[in-house]
Amino acid sequence: LGGLGQVAGSRGRHEEELDLFQRADAVQPEDPWILGN
């Protein structure tokens, strides 16, 4: 989810990026890499 989020962000698709990182955060809420992104 996070990797795909980074790809979306690199493409300028920030709503999609946000959605993917929110989903990743729901799965792994204490991950600094996910929270930073």
Full PDB file with SEQRES, HELIX, SHEET, SSBOND, CRYST1, ORIGX, SCALE, CONECT and MASTER records, all heavy atoms in Angstrom:
SEQRES   1 A   37  LEU GLY GLY LEU GLY GLN VAL ALA GLY SER ARG GLY ARG          
SEQRES   2 A   37  HIS GLU GLU GLU LEU ASP LEU PHE GLN ARG ALA ASP ALA          
SEQRES   3 A   37  VAL GLN PRO GLU ASP PRO TRP ILE LEU GLY ASN                  
HELIX    1 AA1 GLY A    2  SER A   10  1                                   9    
HELIX    2 AA2 HIS A   14  VAL A   27  1                                  14    
HELIX    3 AA3 PRO A   32  GLY A   36  1                                   5    
CRYST1    1.000    1.000    1.000  90.00  90.00  90.00 P 1           1          
ORIGX1      1.000000  0.000000  0.000000        0.00000                         
ORIGX2      0.000000  1.000000  0.000000        0.00000                         
ORIGX3      0.000000  0.000000  1.000000        0.00000                         
SCALE1      1.000000  0.000000  0.000000        0.00000                         
SCALE2      0.000000  1.000000  0.000000        0.00000                         
SCALE3      0.000000  0.000000  1.000000        0.00000                         
ATOM      1  N   LEU A   1       0.835  -1.202   0.000  1.00  0.00           N  
ATOM      2  CA  LEU A   1       0.000   0.000   0.000  1.00  0.00           C  
ATOM      3  C   LEU A   1       0.869   1.251   0.000  1.00  0.00           C  
ATOM      4  O   LEU A   1       0.622   2.197  -0.755  1.00  0.00           O  
ATOM      5  CB  LEU A   1      -0.934   0.004   1.221  1.00  0.00           C  
ATOM      6  CG  LEU A   1      -2.080  -0.993   1.189  1.00  0.00           C  
ATOM      7  CD1 LEU A   1      -2.696  -1.129   2.582  1.00  0.00           C  
ATOM      8  CD2 LEU A   1      -3.129  -0.577   0.168  1.00  0.00           C  
ATOM      9  N   GLY A   2       1.893   1.250   0.844  1.00  0.00           N  
ATOM     10  CA  GLY A   2       2.789   2.397   0.919  1.00  0.00           C  
ATOM     11  C   GLY A   2       3.586   2.596  -0.350  1.00  0.00           C  
ATOM     12  O   GLY A   2       3.755   3.725  -0.820  1.00  0.00           O  
ATOM     13  N   GLY A   3       4.074   1.512  -0.929  1.00  0.00           N  
ATOM     14  CA  GLY A   3       4.812   1.618  -2.185  1.00  0.00           C  
ATOM     15  C   GLY A   3       3.944   2.194  -3.293  1.00  0.00           C  
ATOM     16  O   GLY A   3       4.366   3.090  -4.033  1.00  0.00           O  
ATOM     17  N   LEU A   4       2.708   1.707  -3.383  1.00  0.00           N  
ATOM     18  CA  LEU A   4       1.788   2.229  -4.387  1.00  0.00           C  
ATOM     19  C   LEU A   4       1.443   3.684  -4.081  1.00  0.00           C  
ATOM     20  O   LEU A   4       1.281   4.497  -4.996  1.00  0.00           O  
ATOM     21  CB  LEU A   4       0.535   1.353  -4.449  1.00  0.00           C  
ATOM     22  CG  LEU A   4      -0.367   1.498  -5.657  1.00  0.00           C  
ATOM     23  CD1 LEU A   4       0.399   1.319  -6.958  1.00  0.00           C  
ATOM     24  CD2 LEU A   4      -1.520   0.498  -5.565  1.00  0.00           C  
ATOM     25  N   GLY A   5       1.372   4.022  -2.797  1.00  0.00           N  
ATOM     26  CA  GLY A   5       1.146   5.418  -2.399  1.00  0.00           C  
ATOM     27  C   GLY A   5       2.269   6.327  -2.861  1.00  0.00           C  
ATOM     28  O   GLY A   5       2.023   7.436  -3.351  1.00  0.00           O  
ATOM     29  N   GLN A   6       3.496   5.861  -2.722  1.00  0.00           N  
ATOM     30  CA  GLN A   6       4.637   6.660  -3.193  1.00  0.00           C  
ATOM     31  C   GLN A   6       4.596   6.851  -4.707  1.00  0.00           C  
ATOM     32  O   GLN A   6       4.898   7.928  -5.209  1.00  0.00           O  
ATOM     33  CB  GLN A   6       5.960   6.014  -2.784  1.00  0.00           C  
ATOM     34  CG  GLN A   6       6.285   6.200  -1.336  1.00  0.00           C  
ATOM     35  CD  GLN A   6       7.677   5.689  -1.003  1.00  0.00           C  
ATOM     36  OE1 GLN A   6       8.088   4.625  -1.462  1.00  0.00           O  
ATOM     37  NE2 GLN A   6       8.393   6.440  -0.204  1.00  0.00           N  
ATOM     38  N   VAL A   7       4.215   5.815  -5.420  1.00  0.00           N  
ATOM     39  CA  VAL A   7       4.102   5.924  -6.875  1.00  0.00           C  
ATOM     40  C   VAL A   7       3.030   6.959  -7.229  1.00  0.00           C  
ATOM     41  O   VAL A   7       3.250   7.821  -8.083  1.00  0.00           O  
ATOM     42  CB  VAL A   7       3.797   4.551  -7.519  1.00  0.00           C  
ATOM     43  CG1 VAL A   7       3.429   4.703  -8.986  1.00  0.00           C  
ATOM     44  CG2 VAL A   7       4.984   3.611  -7.355  1.00  0.00           C  
ATOM     45  N   ALA A   8       1.884   6.893  -6.563  1.00  0.00           N  
ATOM     46  CA  ALA A   8       0.809   7.860  -6.826  1.00  0.00           C  
ATOM     47  C   ALA A   8       1.293   9.280  -6.543  1.00  0.00           C  
ATOM     48  O   ALA A   8       1.031  10.202  -7.326  1.00  0.00           O  
ATOM     49  CB  ALA A   8      -0.415   7.526  -5.965  1.00  0.00           C  
ATOM     50  N   GLY A   9       2.021   9.473  -5.448  1.00  0.00           N  
ATOM     51  CA  GLY A   9       2.560  10.786  -5.118  1.00  0.00           C  
ATOM     52  C   GLY A   9       3.543  11.275  -6.170  1.00  0.00           C  
ATOM     53  O   GLY A   9       3.525  12.447  -6.550  1.00  0.00           O  
ATOM     54  N   SER A  10       4.379  10.374  -6.665  1.00  0.00           N  
ATOM     55  CA  SER A  10       5.345  10.740  -7.709  1.00  0.00           C  
ATOM     56  C   SER A  10       4.654  11.161  -8.996  1.00  0.00           C  
ATOM     57  O   SER A  10       5.193  11.936  -9.773  1.00  0.00           O  
ATOM     58  CB  SER A  10       6.285   9.565  -8.012  1.00  0.00           C  
ATOM     59  OG  SER A  10       7.066   9.263  -6.897  1.00  0.00           O  
ATOM     60  N   ARG A  11       3.479  10.660  -9.195  1.00  0.00           N  
ATOM     61  CA  ARG A  11       2.698  11.000 -10.393  1.00  0.00           C  
ATOM     62  C   ARG A  11       1.811  12.226 -10.174  1.00  0.00           C  
ATOM     63  O   ARG A  11       1.054  12.601 -11.060  1.00  0.00           O  
ATOM     64  CB  ARG A  11       1.831   9.813 -10.791  1.00  0.00           C  
ATOM     65  CG  ARG A  11       2.612   8.636 -11.289  1.00  0.00           C  
ATOM     66  CD  ARG A  11       1.687   7.489 -11.572  1.00  0.00           C  
ATOM     67  NE  ARG A  11       2.337   6.488 -12.390  1.00  0.00           N  
ATOM     68  CZ  ARG A  11       1.820   5.295 -12.622  1.00  0.00           C  
ATOM     69  NH1 ARG A  11       0.650   4.963 -12.113  1.00  0.00           N  
ATOM     70  NH2 ARG A  11       2.465   4.440 -13.364  1.00  0.00           N  
ATOM     71  N   GLY A  12       1.877  12.799  -8.971  1.00  0.00           N  
ATOM     72  CA  GLY A  12       1.061  13.974  -8.671  1.00  0.00           C  
ATOM     73  C   GLY A  12      -0.377  13.645  -8.316  1.00  0.00           C  
ATOM     74  O   GLY A  12      -1.223  14.530  -8.249  1.00  0.00           O  
ATOM     75  N   ARG A  13      -0.669  12.393  -8.054  1.00  0.00           N  
ATOM     76  CA  ARG A  13      -2.031  11.966  -7.695  1.00  0.00           C  
ATOM     77  C   ARG A  13      -2.122  11.889  -6.172  1.00  0.00           C  
ATOM     78  O   ARG A  13      -2.113  10.817  -5.581  1.00  0.00           O  
ATOM     79  CB  ARG A  13      -2.347  10.650  -8.388  1.00  0.00           C  
ATOM     80  CG  ARG A  13      -2.299  10.848  -9.895  1.00  0.00           C  
ATOM     81  CD  ARG A  13      -2.686   9.723 -10.792  1.00  0.00           C  
ATOM     82  NE  ARG A  13      -2.741   8.370 -10.329  1.00  0.00           N  
ATOM     83  CZ  ARG A  13      -2.385   7.323 -11.071  1.00  0.00           C  
ATOM     84  NH1 ARG A  13      -1.925   7.507 -12.290  1.00  0.00           N  
ATOM     85  NH2 ARG A  13      -2.495   6.111 -10.596  1.00  0.00           N  
ATOM     86  N   HIS A  14      -2.220  13.073  -5.562  1.00  0.00           N  
ATOM     87  CA  HIS A  14      -2.074  13.173  -4.110  1.00  0.00           C  
ATOM     88  C   HIS A  14      -3.280  12.677  -3.327  1.00  0.00           C  
ATOM     89  O   HIS A  14      -3.124  12.192  -2.204  1.00  0.00           O  
ATOM     90  CB  HIS A  14      -1.696  14.595  -3.725  1.00  0.00           C  
ATOM     91  CG  HIS A  14      -0.416  15.024  -4.376  1.00  0.00           C  
ATOM     92  ND1 HIS A  14       0.771  14.344  -4.204  1.00  0.00           N  
ATOM     93  CD2 HIS A  14      -0.143  16.027  -5.228  1.00  0.00           C  
ATOM     94  CE1 HIS A  14       1.724  14.919  -4.912  1.00  0.00           C  
ATOM     95  NE2 HIS A  14       1.198  15.944  -5.550  1.00  0.00           N  
ATOM     96  N   GLU A  15      -4.477  12.759  -3.885  1.00  0.00           N  
ATOM     97  CA  GLU A  15      -5.649  12.185  -3.191  1.00  0.00           C  
ATOM     98  C   GLU A  15      -5.499  10.671  -3.105  1.00  0.00           C  
ATOM     99  O   GLU A  15      -5.774  10.073  -2.064  1.00  0.00           O  
ATOM    100  CB  GLU A  15      -6.947  12.566  -3.922  1.00  0.00           C  
ATOM    101  CG  GLU A  15      -7.330  14.025  -3.812  1.00  0.00           C  
ATOM    102  CD  GLU A  15      -7.800  14.428  -2.418  1.00  0.00           C  
ATOM    103  OE1 GLU A  15      -8.122  13.547  -1.580  1.00  0.00           O  
ATOM    104  OE2 GLU A  15      -7.845  15.648  -2.158  1.00  0.00           O  
ATOM    105  N   GLU A  16      -5.076  10.059  -4.201  1.00  0.00           N  
ATOM    106  CA  GLU A  16      -4.848   8.618  -4.219  1.00  0.00           C  
ATOM    107  C   GLU A  16      -3.707   8.250  -3.261  1.00  0.00           C  
ATOM    108  O   GLU A  16      -3.801   7.267  -2.516  1.00  0.00           O  
ATOM    109  CB  GLU A  16      -4.512   8.175  -5.641  1.00  0.00           C  
ATOM    110  CG  GLU A  16      -4.268   6.695  -5.797  1.00  0.00           C  
ATOM    111  CD  GLU A  16      -3.887   6.304  -7.222  1.00  0.00           C  
ATOM    112  OE1 GLU A  16      -4.054   7.120  -8.162  1.00  0.00           O  
ATOM    113  OE2 GLU A  16      -3.400   5.179  -7.387  1.00  0.00           O  
ATOM    114  N   GLU A  17      -2.648   9.052  -3.274  1.00  0.00           N  
ATOM    115  CA  GLU A  17      -1.520   8.844  -2.366  1.00  0.00           C  
ATOM    116  C   GLU A  17      -2.003   8.856  -0.917  1.00  0.00           C  
ATOM    117  O   GLU A  17      -1.677   7.969  -0.125  1.00  0.00           O  
ATOM    118  CB  GLU A  17      -0.486   9.945  -2.598  1.00  0.00           C  
ATOM    119  CG  GLU A  17       0.652   9.965  -1.607  1.00  0.00           C  
ATOM    120  CD  GLU A  17       1.506  11.214  -1.717  1.00  0.00           C  
ATOM    121  OE1 GLU A  17       1.014  12.270  -2.179  1.00  0.00           O  
ATOM    122  OE2 GLU A  17       2.674  11.132  -1.309  1.00  0.00           O  
ATOM    123  N   LEU A  18      -2.805   9.865  -0.588  1.00  0.00           N  
ATOM    124  CA  LEU A  18      -3.327   9.988   0.774  1.00  0.00           C  
ATOM    125  C   LEU A  18      -4.158   8.769   1.149  1.00  0.00           C  
ATOM    126  O   LEU A  18      -3.981   8.193   2.228  1.00  0.00           O  
ATOM    127  CB  LEU A  18      -4.156  11.266   0.912  1.00  0.00           C  
ATOM    128  CG  LEU A  18      -4.848  11.472   2.256  1.00  0.00           C  
ATOM    129  CD1 LEU A  18      -3.830  11.566   3.389  1.00  0.00           C  
ATOM    130  CD2 LEU A  18      -5.718  12.710   2.213  1.00  0.00           C  
ATOM    131  N   ASP A  19      -5.056   8.357   0.257  1.00  0.00           N  
ATOM    132  CA  ASP A  19      -5.909   7.201   0.525  1.00  0.00           C  
ATOM    133  C   ASP A  19      -5.071   5.951   0.802  1.00  0.00           C  
ATOM    134  O   ASP A  19      -5.338   5.214   1.758  1.00  0.00           O  
ATOM    135  CB  ASP A  19      -6.847   6.954  -0.663  1.00  0.00           C  
ATOM    136  CG  ASP A  19      -7.671   5.691  -0.478  1.00  0.00           C  
ATOM    137  OD1 ASP A  19      -8.471   5.631   0.482  1.00  0.00           O  
ATOM    138  OD2 ASP A  19      -7.504   4.747  -1.286  1.00  0.00           O  
ATOM    139  N   LEU A  20      -4.054   5.725  -0.006  1.00  0.00           N  
ATOM    140  CA  LEU A  20      -3.224   4.532   0.167  1.00  0.00           C  
ATOM    141  C   LEU A  20      -2.447   4.572   1.473  1.00  0.00           C  
ATOM    142  O   LEU A  20      -2.337   3.555   2.173  1.00  0.00           O  
ATOM    143  CB  LEU A  20      -2.293   4.369  -1.035  1.00  0.00           C  
ATOM    144  CG  LEU A  20      -3.017   3.920  -2.313  1.00  0.00           C  
ATOM    145  CD1 LEU A  20      -2.202   4.251  -3.550  1.00  0.00           C  
ATOM    146  CD2 LEU A  20      -3.332   2.423  -2.241  1.00  0.00           C  
ATOM    147  N   PHE A  21      -1.916   5.741   1.846  1.00  0.00           N  
ATOM    148  CA  PHE A  21      -1.193   5.816   3.114  1.00  0.00           C  
ATOM    149  C   PHE A  21      -2.128   5.752   4.314  1.00  0.00           C  
ATOM    150  O   PHE A  21      -1.754   5.227   5.366  1.00  0.00           O  
ATOM    151  CB  PHE A  21      -0.272   7.039   3.159  1.00  0.00           C  
ATOM    152  CG  PHE A  21       1.024   6.784   2.455  1.00  0.00           C  
ATOM    153  CD1 PHE A  21       1.315   7.409   1.260  1.00  0.00           C  
ATOM    154  CD2 PHE A  21       1.939   5.873   2.964  1.00  0.00           C  
ATOM    155  CE1 PHE A  21       2.504   7.152   0.589  1.00  0.00           C  
ATOM    156  CE2 PHE A  21       3.127   5.600   2.305  1.00  0.00           C  
ATOM    157  CZ  PHE A  21       3.412   6.240   1.111  1.00  0.00           C  
ATOM    158  N   GLN A  22      -3.351   6.227   4.167  1.00  0.00           N  
ATOM    159  CA  GLN A  22      -4.323   6.070   5.251  1.00  0.00           C  
ATOM    160  C   GLN A  22      -4.660   4.597   5.439  1.00  0.00           C  
ATOM    161  O   GLN A  22      -4.783   4.125   6.576  1.00  0.00           O  
ATOM    162  CB  GLN A  22      -5.589   6.886   4.964  1.00  0.00           C  
ATOM    163  CG  GLN A  22      -5.386   8.357   5.168  1.00  0.00           C  
ATOM    164  CD  GLN A  22      -6.587   9.190   4.746  1.00  0.00           C  
ATOM    165  OE1 GLN A  22      -7.316   8.844   3.810  1.00  0.00           O  
ATOM    166  NE2 GLN A  22      -6.794  10.303   5.427  1.00  0.00           N  
ATOM    167  N   ARG A  23      -4.808   3.873   4.340  1.00  0.00           N  
ATOM    168  CA  ARG A  23      -5.062   2.435   4.423  1.00  0.00           C  
ATOM    169  C   ARG A  23      -3.879   1.715   5.061  1.00  0.00           C  
ATOM    170  O   ARG A  23      -4.055   0.821   5.896  1.00  0.00           O  
ATOM    171  CB  ARG A  23      -5.374   1.876   3.041  1.00  0.00           C  
ATOM    172  CG  ARG A  23      -6.742   2.308   2.527  1.00  0.00           C  
ATOM    173  CD  ARG A  23      -7.007   1.911   1.081  1.00  0.00           C  
ATOM    174  NE  ARG A  23      -6.730   0.512   0.791  1.00  0.00           N  
ATOM    175  CZ  ARG A  23      -6.574   0.038  -0.441  1.00  0.00           C  
ATOM    176  NH1 ARG A  23      -6.653   0.848  -1.487  1.00  0.00           N  
ATOM    177  NH2 ARG A  23      -6.329  -1.242  -0.637  1.00  0.00           N  
ATOM    178  N   ALA A  24      -2.666   2.102   4.671  1.00  0.00           N  
ATOM    179  CA  ALA A  24      -1.472   1.485   5.264  1.00  0.00           C  
ATOM    180  C   ALA A  24      -1.388   1.790   6.755  1.00  0.00           C  
ATOM    181  O   ALA A  24      -1.043   0.918   7.562  1.00  0.00           O  
ATOM    182  CB  ALA A  24      -0.216   1.975   4.544  1.00  0.00           C  
ATOM    183  N   ASP A  25      -1.737   3.022   7.134  1.00  0.00           N  
ATOM    184  CA  ASP A  25      -1.715   3.414   8.542  1.00  0.00           C  
ATOM    185  C   ASP A  25      -2.738   2.620   9.352  1.00  0.00           C  
ATOM    186  O   ASP A  25      -2.483   2.269  10.502  1.00  0.00           O  
ATOM    187  CB  ASP A  25      -1.965   4.918   8.665  1.00  0.00           C  
ATOM    188  CG  ASP A  25      -1.883   5.416  10.098  1.00  0.00           C  
ATOM    189  OD1 ASP A  25      -0.924   5.034  10.815  1.00  0.00           O  
ATOM    190  OD2 ASP A  25      -2.780   6.178  10.514  1.00  0.00           O  
ATOM    191  N   ALA A  26      -3.881   2.321   8.757  1.00  0.00           N  
ATOM    192  CA  ALA A  26      -4.897   1.528   9.454  1.00  0.00           C  
ATOM    193  C   ALA A  26      -4.393   0.113   9.731  1.00  0.00           C  
ATOM    194  O   ALA A  26      -4.720  -0.482  10.761  1.00  0.00           O  
ATOM    195  CB  ALA A  26      -6.186   1.482   8.624  1.00  0.00           C  
ATOM    196  N   VAL A  27      -3.559  -0.406   8.827  1.00  0.00           N  
ATOM    197  CA  VAL A  27      -3.012  -1.748   8.988  1.00  0.00           C  
ATOM    198  C   VAL A  27      -1.836  -1.743   9.967  1.00  0.00           C  
ATOM    199  O   VAL A  27      -1.699  -2.633  10.796  1.00  0.00           O  
ATOM    200  CB  VAL A  27      -2.541  -2.310   7.615  1.00  0.00           C  
ATOM    201  CG1 VAL A  27      -1.820  -3.638   7.779  1.00  0.00           C  
ATOM    202  CG2 VAL A  27      -3.717  -2.440   6.669  1.00  0.00           C  
ATOM    203  N   GLN A  28      -1.007  -0.728   9.887  1.00  0.00           N  
ATOM    204  CA  GLN A  28       0.233  -0.659  10.662  1.00  0.00           C  
ATOM    205  C   GLN A  28       0.379   0.748  11.246  1.00  0.00           C  
ATOM    206  O   GLN A  28       1.182   1.544  10.771  1.00  0.00           O  
ATOM    207  CB  GLN A  28       1.400  -0.974   9.719  1.00  0.00           C  
ATOM    208  CG  GLN A  28       2.512  -1.745  10.346  1.00  0.00           C  
ATOM    209  CD  GLN A  28       3.421  -2.310   9.267  1.00  0.00           C  
ATOM    210  OE1 GLN A  28       2.993  -3.109   8.436  1.00  0.00           O  
ATOM    211  NE2 GLN A  28       4.661  -1.902   9.295  1.00  0.00           N  
ATOM    212  N   PRO A  29      -0.388   1.062  12.301  1.00  0.00           N  
ATOM    213  CA  PRO A  29      -0.477   2.452  12.781  1.00  0.00           C  
ATOM    214  C   PRO A  29       0.762   3.016  13.478  1.00  0.00           C  
ATOM    215  O   PRO A  29       0.865   4.217  13.630  1.00  0.00           O  
ATOM    216  CB  PRO A  29      -1.664   2.416  13.739  1.00  0.00           C  
ATOM    217  CG  PRO A  29      -1.797   0.999  14.148  1.00  0.00           C  
ATOM    218  CD  PRO A  29      -1.277   0.172  13.008  1.00  0.00           C  
ATOM    219  N   GLU A  30       1.683   2.230  13.864  1.00  0.00           N  
ATOM    220  CA  GLU A  30       2.852   2.739  14.585  1.00  0.00           C  
ATOM    221  C   GLU A  30       4.117   2.665  13.738  1.00  0.00           C  
ATOM    222  O   GLU A  30       5.212   2.515  14.271  1.00  0.00           O  
ATOM    223  CB  GLU A  30       3.033   1.976  15.899  1.00  0.00           C  
ATOM    224  CG  GLU A  30       1.857   2.112  16.852  1.00  0.00           C  
ATOM    225  CD  GLU A  30       1.602   3.554  17.259  1.00  0.00           C  
ATOM    226  OE1 GLU A  30       2.561   4.257  17.647  1.00  0.00           O  
ATOM    227  OE2 GLU A  30       0.438   3.987  17.180  1.00  0.00           O  
ATOM    228  N   ASP A  31       3.976   2.786  12.443  1.00  0.00           N  
ATOM    229  CA  ASP A  31       5.117   2.695  11.546  1.00  0.00           C  
ATOM    230  C   ASP A  31       5.568   4.096  11.140  1.00  0.00           C  
ATOM    231  O   ASP A  31       4.839   4.807  10.449  1.00  0.00           O  
ATOM    232  CB  ASP A  31       4.719   1.890  10.305  1.00  0.00           C  
ATOM    233  CG  ASP A  31       5.893   1.635   9.389  1.00  0.00           C  
ATOM    234  OD1 ASP A  31       6.546   2.618   8.958  1.00  0.00           O  
ATOM    235  OD2 ASP A  31       6.150   0.455   9.082  1.00  0.00           O  
ATOM    236  N   PRO A  32       6.766   4.515  11.561  1.00  0.00           N  
ATOM    237  CA  PRO A  32       7.233   5.870  11.244  1.00  0.00           C  
ATOM    238  C   PRO A  32       7.326   6.164   9.749  1.00  0.00           C  
ATOM    239  O   PRO A  32       7.059   7.281   9.317  1.00  0.00           O  
ATOM    240  CB  PRO A  32       8.619   5.946  11.894  1.00  0.00           C  
ATOM    241  CG  PRO A  32       8.651   4.855  12.896  1.00  0.00           C  
ATOM    242  CD  PRO A  32       7.715   3.794  12.402  1.00  0.00           C  
ATOM    243  N   TRP A  33       7.699   5.168   8.937  1.00  0.00           N  
ATOM    244  CA  TRP A  33       7.791   5.371   7.494  1.00  0.00           C  
ATOM    245  C   TRP A  33       6.411   5.717   6.923  1.00  0.00           C  
ATOM    246  O   TRP A  33       6.266   6.655   6.144  1.00  0.00           O  
ATOM    247  CB  TRP A  33       8.363   4.127   6.827  1.00  0.00           C  
ATOM    248  CG  TRP A  33       8.425   4.226   5.331  1.00  0.00           C  
ATOM    249  CD1 TRP A  33       9.359   4.912   4.592  1.00  0.00           C  
ATOM    250  CD2 TRP A  33       7.528   3.650   4.393  1.00  0.00           C  
ATOM    251  NE1 TRP A  33       9.087   4.787   3.248  1.00  0.00           N  
ATOM    252  CE2 TRP A  33       7.958   4.009   3.096  1.00  0.00           C  
ATOM    253  CE3 TRP A  33       6.377   2.868   4.507  1.00  0.00           C  
ATOM    254  CZ2 TRP A  33       7.306   3.618   1.941  1.00  0.00           C  
ATOM    255  CZ3 TRP A  33       5.727   2.466   3.352  1.00  0.00           C  
ATOM    256  CH2 TRP A  33       6.189   2.846   2.092  1.00  0.00           C  
ATOM    257  N   ILE A  34       5.400   4.956   7.330  1.00  0.00           N  
ATOM    258  CA  ILE A  34       4.037   5.212   6.856  1.00  0.00           C  
ATOM    259  C   ILE A  34       3.567   6.571   7.348  1.00  0.00           C  
ATOM    260  O   ILE A  34       3.011   7.369   6.580  1.00  0.00           O  
ATOM    261  CB  ILE A  34       3.079   4.089   7.317  1.00  0.00           C  
ATOM    262  CG1 ILE A  34       3.415   2.783   6.594  1.00  0.00           C  
ATOM    263  CG2 ILE A  34       1.620   4.484   7.071  1.00  0.00           C  
ATOM    264  CD1 ILE A  34       2.696   1.563   7.127  1.00  0.00           C  
ATOM    265  N   LEU A  35       3.787   6.862   8.623  1.00  0.00           N  
ATOM    266  CA  LEU A  35       3.336   8.149   9.174  1.00  0.00           C  
ATOM    267  C   LEU A  35       4.036   9.327   8.509  1.00  0.00           C  
ATOM    268  O   LEU A  35       3.409  10.357   8.247  1.00  0.00           O  
ATOM    269  CB  LEU A  35       3.565   8.181  10.686  1.00  0.00           C  
ATOM    270  CG  LEU A  35       2.646   7.274  11.499  1.00  0.00           C  
ATOM    271  CD1 LEU A  35       3.127   7.188  12.938  1.00  0.00           C  
ATOM    272  CD2 LEU A  35       1.211   7.744  11.415  1.00  0.00           C  
ATOM    273  N   GLY A  36       5.326   9.192   8.217  1.00  0.00           N  
ATOM    274  CA  GLY A  36       6.053  10.263   7.538  1.00  0.00           C  
ATOM    275  C   GLY A  36       5.473  10.533   6.158  1.00  0.00           C  
ATOM    276  O   GLY A  36       5.262  11.685   5.764  1.00  0.00           O  
ATOM    277  N   ASN A  37       5.182   9.472   5.431  1.00  0.00           N  
ATOM    278  CA  ASN A  37       4.597   9.625   4.102  1.00  0.00           C  
ATOM    279  C   ASN A  37       3.160  10.125   4.164  1.00  0.00           C  
ATOM    280  O   ASN A  37       2.741  10.925   3.330  1.00  0.00           O  
ATOM    281  CB  ASN A  37       4.666   8.301   3.331  1.00  0.00           C  
ATOM    282  CG  ASN A  37       6.041   8.041   2.787  1.00  0.00           C  
ATOM    283  OD1 ASN A  37       6.474   8.685   1.853  1.00  0.00           O  
ATOM    284  ND2 ASN A  37       6.748   7.099   3.381  1.00  0.00           N  
TER     285      ASN A  37                                                      
MASTER        0    0    0    3    0    0    0    6  284    1    0    3          
END                                                                             
